[in-house]
Amino acid sequence: MTNLKAKLQNAARKRRQRARQTQQFGLHRIEVLLSDREFQMLESACIRRNPGREPYSKNDYIALLIFADGERLERQESALGVCNRCKSPLPVGCSGVFQGEDACWLTRDCRTLNLTDVTGHAQIDEVQS
């Protein structure tokens, strides 16, 4: 068997394995590129977020972050109410029909759901329930 043929067979075998994992277990593979600083922060957080115990695996840590953010997003969205301009339930509102008008939630206030504070619009303070 040639080296190229072996590589192609191995790649096909991995594709079939990943397809089985997705179908049977609902597992999806993604690849994420991190800077050195981001990777160091991830490694540190895996240890620091589970003190006195075995550190989280990188997969578990990221999955837990996704779950935590999903719950936070649901809380944020449920507290939004209706748009001052169209009186439609938020976060959908007018779906952009009135975007740009001062009274439309989508013009500025929608940024409260953003994740990043680079723009100065993040709402990362947790509401204690």
C-alpha atoms as a PDB file:
ATOM      1  CA  MET A   1       0.000   0.000   0.000  1.00  0.00           C
ATOM      2  CA  THR A   2       1.391   3.379  -0.935  1.00  0.00           C
ATOM      3  CA  ASN A   3       1.842   6.120   1.615  1.00  0.00           C
ATOM      4  CA  LEU A   4      -0.728   8.314  -0.170  1.00  0.00           C
ATOM      5  CA  LYS A   5      -3.270   5.491  -0.298  1.00  0.00           C
ATOM      6  CA  ALA A   6      -2.803   4.830   3.437  1.00  0.00           C
ATOM      7  CA  LYS A   7      -3.298   8.527   4.236  1.00  0.00           C
ATOM      8  CA  LEU A   8      -6.487   8.656   2.170  1.00  0.00           C
ATOM      9  CA  GLN A   9      -7.848   5.533   3.858  1.00  0.00           C
ATOM     10  CA  ASN A  10      -7.022   6.904   7.301  1.00  0.00           C
ATOM     11  CA  ALA A  11      -8.717  10.214   6.489  1.00  0.00           C
ATOM     12  CA  ALA A  12     -11.828   8.405   5.237  1.00  0.00           C
ATOM     13  CA  ARG A  13     -11.886   6.236   8.378  1.00  0.00           C
ATOM     14  CA  LYS A  14     -11.733   9.357  10.601  1.00  0.00           C
ATOM     15  CA  ARG A  15     -14.544  11.031   8.626  1.00  0.00           C
ATOM     16  CA  ARG A  16     -16.727   7.932   9.129  1.00  0.00           C
ATOM     17  CA  GLN A  17     -15.850   7.866  12.845  1.00  0.00           C
ATOM     18  CA  ARG A  18     -16.776  11.537  13.276  1.00  0.00           C
ATOM     19  CA  ALA A  19     -20.026  11.018  11.361  1.00  0.00           C
ATOM     20  CA  ARG A  20     -20.892   8.081  13.681  1.00  0.00           C
ATOM     21  CA  GLN A  21     -20.101  10.186  16.754  1.00  0.00           C
ATOM     22  CA  THR A  22     -22.355  12.960  15.504  1.00  0.00           C
ATOM     23  CA  GLN A  23     -25.195  10.608  14.634  1.00  0.00           C
ATOM     24  CA  GLN A  24     -25.003   8.342  17.690  1.00  0.00           C
ATOM     25  CA  PHE A  25     -23.964  10.748  20.423  1.00  0.00           C
ATOM     26  CA  GLY A  26     -24.652  14.228  19.070  1.00  0.00           C
ATOM     27  CA  LEU A  27     -20.955  15.090  19.270  1.00  0.00           C
ATOM     28  CA  HIS A  28     -19.605  17.742  16.927  1.00  0.00           C
ATOM     29  CA  ARG A  29     -15.954  18.476  16.338  1.00  0.00           C
ATOM     30  CA  ILE A  30     -14.761  22.054  15.983  1.00  0.00           C
ATOM     31  CA  GLU A  31     -11.309  23.524  15.727  1.00  0.00           C
ATOM     32  CA  VAL A  32     -10.422  26.759  17.488  1.00  0.00           C
ATOM     33  CA  LEU A  33      -7.263  28.785  17.000  1.00  0.00           C
ATOM     34  CA  LEU A  34      -6.091  30.596  20.125  1.00  0.00           C
ATOM     35  CA  SER A  35      -3.297  33.069  20.646  1.00  0.00           C
ATOM     36  CA  ASP A  36      -0.588  32.136  23.149  1.00  0.00           C
ATOM     37  CA  ARG A  37      -2.205  34.445  25.703  1.00  0.00           C
ATOM     38  CA  GLU A  38      -5.675  32.958  25.174  1.00  0.00           C
ATOM     39  CA  PHE A  39      -4.296  29.424  25.460  1.00  0.00           C
ATOM     40  CA  GLN A  40      -2.464  30.283  28.695  1.00  0.00           C
ATOM     41  CA  MET A  41      -5.667  31.809  30.067  1.00  0.00           C
ATOM     42  CA  LEU A  42      -7.589  28.650  29.139  1.00  0.00           C
ATOM     43  CA  GLU A  43      -5.053  26.386  30.831  1.00  0.00           C
ATOM     44  CA  SER A  44      -5.019  28.551  33.945  1.00  0.00           C
ATOM     45  CA  ALA A  45      -8.814  28.763  34.105  1.00  0.00           C
ATOM     46  CA  CYS A  46      -9.159  24.978  33.823  1.00  0.00           C
ATOM     47  CA  ILE A  47      -7.151  24.725  37.040  1.00  0.00           C
ATOM     48  CA  ARG A  48      -8.468  27.790  38.866  1.00  0.00           C
ATOM     49  CA  ARG A  49     -12.168  27.072  38.198  1.00  0.00           C
ATOM     50  CA  ASN A  50     -11.976  23.694  39.977  1.00  0.00           C
ATOM     51  CA  PRO A  51      -9.768  24.359  43.024  1.00  0.00           C
ATOM     52  CA  GLY A  52      -8.649  21.399  45.088  1.00  0.00           C
ATOM     53  CA  ARG A  53      -9.773  18.957  42.412  1.00  0.00           C
ATOM     54  CA  GLU A  54      -8.630  17.629  39.075  1.00  0.00           C
ATOM     55  CA  PRO A  55      -8.509  20.516  36.576  1.00  0.00           C
ATOM     56  CA  TYR A  56     -11.256  20.665  33.979  1.00  0.00           C
ATOM     57  CA  SER A  57     -10.320  19.340  30.583  1.00  0.00           C
ATOM     58  CA  LYS A  58     -10.239  22.046  27.935  1.00  0.00           C
ATOM     59  CA  ASN A  59     -13.302  20.480  26.273  1.00  0.00           C
ATOM     60  CA  ASP A  60     -15.263  20.374  29.540  1.00  0.00           C
ATOM     61  CA  TYR A  61     -14.301  23.957  30.416  1.00  0.00           C
ATOM     62  CA  ILE A  62     -15.405  25.305  27.042  1.00  0.00           C
ATOM     63  CA  ALA A  63     -18.634  23.266  27.129  1.00  0.00           C
ATOM     64  CA  LEU A  64     -19.417  24.610  30.628  1.00  0.00           C
ATOM     65  CA  LEU A  65     -18.770  28.170  29.453  1.00  0.00           C
ATOM     66  CA  ILE A  66     -21.223  27.632  26.601  1.00  0.00           C
ATOM     67  CA  PHE A  67     -23.882  26.311  28.999  1.00  0.00           C
ATOM     68  CA  ALA A  68     -23.303  29.154  31.476  1.00  0.00           C
ATOM     69  CA  ASP A  69     -23.512  31.784  28.744  1.00  0.00           C
ATOM     70  CA  GLY A  70     -26.628  30.157  27.302  1.00  0.00           C
ATOM     71  CA  GLU A  71     -28.365  30.428  30.665  1.00  0.00           C
ATOM     72  CA  ARG A  72     -27.194  34.024  31.124  1.00  0.00           C
ATOM     73  CA  LEU A  73     -28.449  34.914  27.639  1.00  0.00           C
ATOM     74  CA  GLU A  74     -31.880  33.418  28.407  1.00  0.00           C
ATOM     75  CA  ARG A  75     -32.080  35.520  31.604  1.00  0.00           C
ATOM     76  CA  GLN A  76     -31.038  38.649  29.730  1.00  0.00           C
ATOM     77  CA  GLU A  77     -33.540  38.070  26.921  1.00  0.00           C
ATOM     78  CA  SER A  78     -36.416  37.315  29.288  1.00  0.00           C
ATOM     79  CA  ALA A  79     -35.849  40.674  31.008  1.00  0.00           C
ATOM     80  CA  LEU A  80     -35.921  42.732  27.781  1.00  0.00           C
ATOM     81  CA  GLY A  81     -39.656  43.371  27.459  1.00  0.00           C
ATOM     82  CA  VAL A  82     -40.823  45.165  24.307  1.00  0.00           C
ATOM     83  CA  CYS A  83     -39.290  47.701  21.925  1.00  0.00           C
ATOM     84  CA  ASN A  84     -40.180  51.339  22.570  1.00  0.00           C
ATOM     85  CA  ARG A  85     -40.618  51.937  18.825  1.00  0.00           C
ATOM     86  CA  CYS A  86     -42.593  48.956  17.491  1.00  0.00           C
ATOM     87  CA  LYS A  87     -43.880  47.505  20.802  1.00  0.00           C
ATOM     88  CA  SER A  88     -42.844  44.017  19.608  1.00  0.00           C
ATOM     89  CA  PRO A  89     -41.313  41.491  22.019  1.00  0.00           C
ATOM     90  CA  LEU A  90     -37.524  41.639  22.223  1.00  0.00           C
ATOM     91  CA  PRO A  91     -34.973  40.576  21.154  1.00  0.00           C
ATOM     92  CA  VAL A  92     -36.654  40.068  17.757  1.00  0.00           C
ATOM     93  CA  GLY A  93     -38.598  43.335  17.752  1.00  0.00           C
ATOM     94  CA  CYS A  94     -39.242  44.688  14.269  1.00  0.00           C
ATOM     95  CA  SER A  95     -36.534  42.451  12.729  1.00  0.00           C
ATOM     96  CA  GLY A  96     -34.723  45.574  11.588  1.00  0.00           C
ATOM     97  CA  VAL A  97     -37.590  47.464   9.943  1.00  0.00           C
ATOM     98  CA  PHE A  98     -37.069  50.504  12.204  1.00  0.00           C
ATOM     99  CA  GLN A  99     -33.365  49.963  12.884  1.00  0.00           C
ATOM    100  CA  GLY A 100     -31.564  53.293  12.755  1.00  0.00           C
ATOM    101  CA  GLU A 101     -34.403  55.205  14.406  1.00  0.00           C
ATOM    102  CA  ASP A 102     -33.564  56.433  17.892  1.00  0.00           C
ATOM    103  CA  ALA A 103     -36.504  54.697  19.590  1.00  0.00           C
ATOM    104  CA  CYS A 104     -35.762  51.278  17.992  1.00  0.00           C
ATOM    105  CA  TRP A 105     -34.098  48.816  20.369  1.00  0.00           C
ATOM    106  CA  LEU A 106     -32.004  47.424  17.510  1.00  0.00           C
ATOM    107  CA  THR A 107     -30.351  50.812  16.946  1.00  0.00           C
ATOM    108  CA  ARG A 108     -28.270  50.843  20.146  1.00  0.00           C
ATOM    109  CA  ASP A 109     -29.720  48.899  23.033  1.00  0.00           C
ATOM    110  CA  CYS A 110     -29.312  45.508  21.359  1.00  0.00           C
ATOM    111  CA  ARG A 111     -25.611  45.778  22.154  1.00  0.00           C
ATOM    112  CA  THR A 112     -26.399  44.838  25.750  1.00  0.00           C
ATOM    113  CA  LEU A 113     -26.423  41.234  24.513  1.00  0.00           C
ATOM    114  CA  ASN A 114     -22.901  41.454  23.031  1.00  0.00           C
ATOM    115  CA  LEU A 115     -20.169  39.334  24.587  1.00  0.00           C
ATOM    116  CA  THR A 116     -17.194  41.582  24.153  1.00  0.00           C
ATOM    117  CA  ASP A 117     -16.317  44.642  26.117  1.00  0.00           C
ATOM    118  CA  VAL A 118     -13.895  45.804  23.411  1.00  0.00           C
ATOM    119  CA  THR A 119     -16.637  48.103  22.110  1.00  0.00           C
ATOM    120  CA  GLY A 120     -17.636  49.178  25.608  1.00  0.00           C
ATOM    121  CA  HIS A 121     -21.099  47.622  25.357  1.00  0.00           C
ATOM    122  CA  ALA A 122     -20.720  44.328  27.213  1.00  0.00           C
ATOM    123  CA  GLN A 123     -23.075  43.487  30.057  1.00  0.00           C
ATOM    124  CA  ILE A 124     -20.977  40.975  31.964  1.00  0.00           C
ATOM    125  CA  ASP A 125     -22.148  41.820  35.472  1.00  0.00           C
ATOM    126  CA  GLU A 126     -24.109  38.858  36.760  1.00  0.00           C
ATOM    127  CA  VAL A 127     -27.534  39.408  38.217  1.00  0.00           C
ATOM    128  CA  GLN A 128     -27.735  37.349  41.399  1.00  0.00           C
ATOM    129  CA  SER A 129     -30.974  35.435  41.701  1.00  0.00           C
END
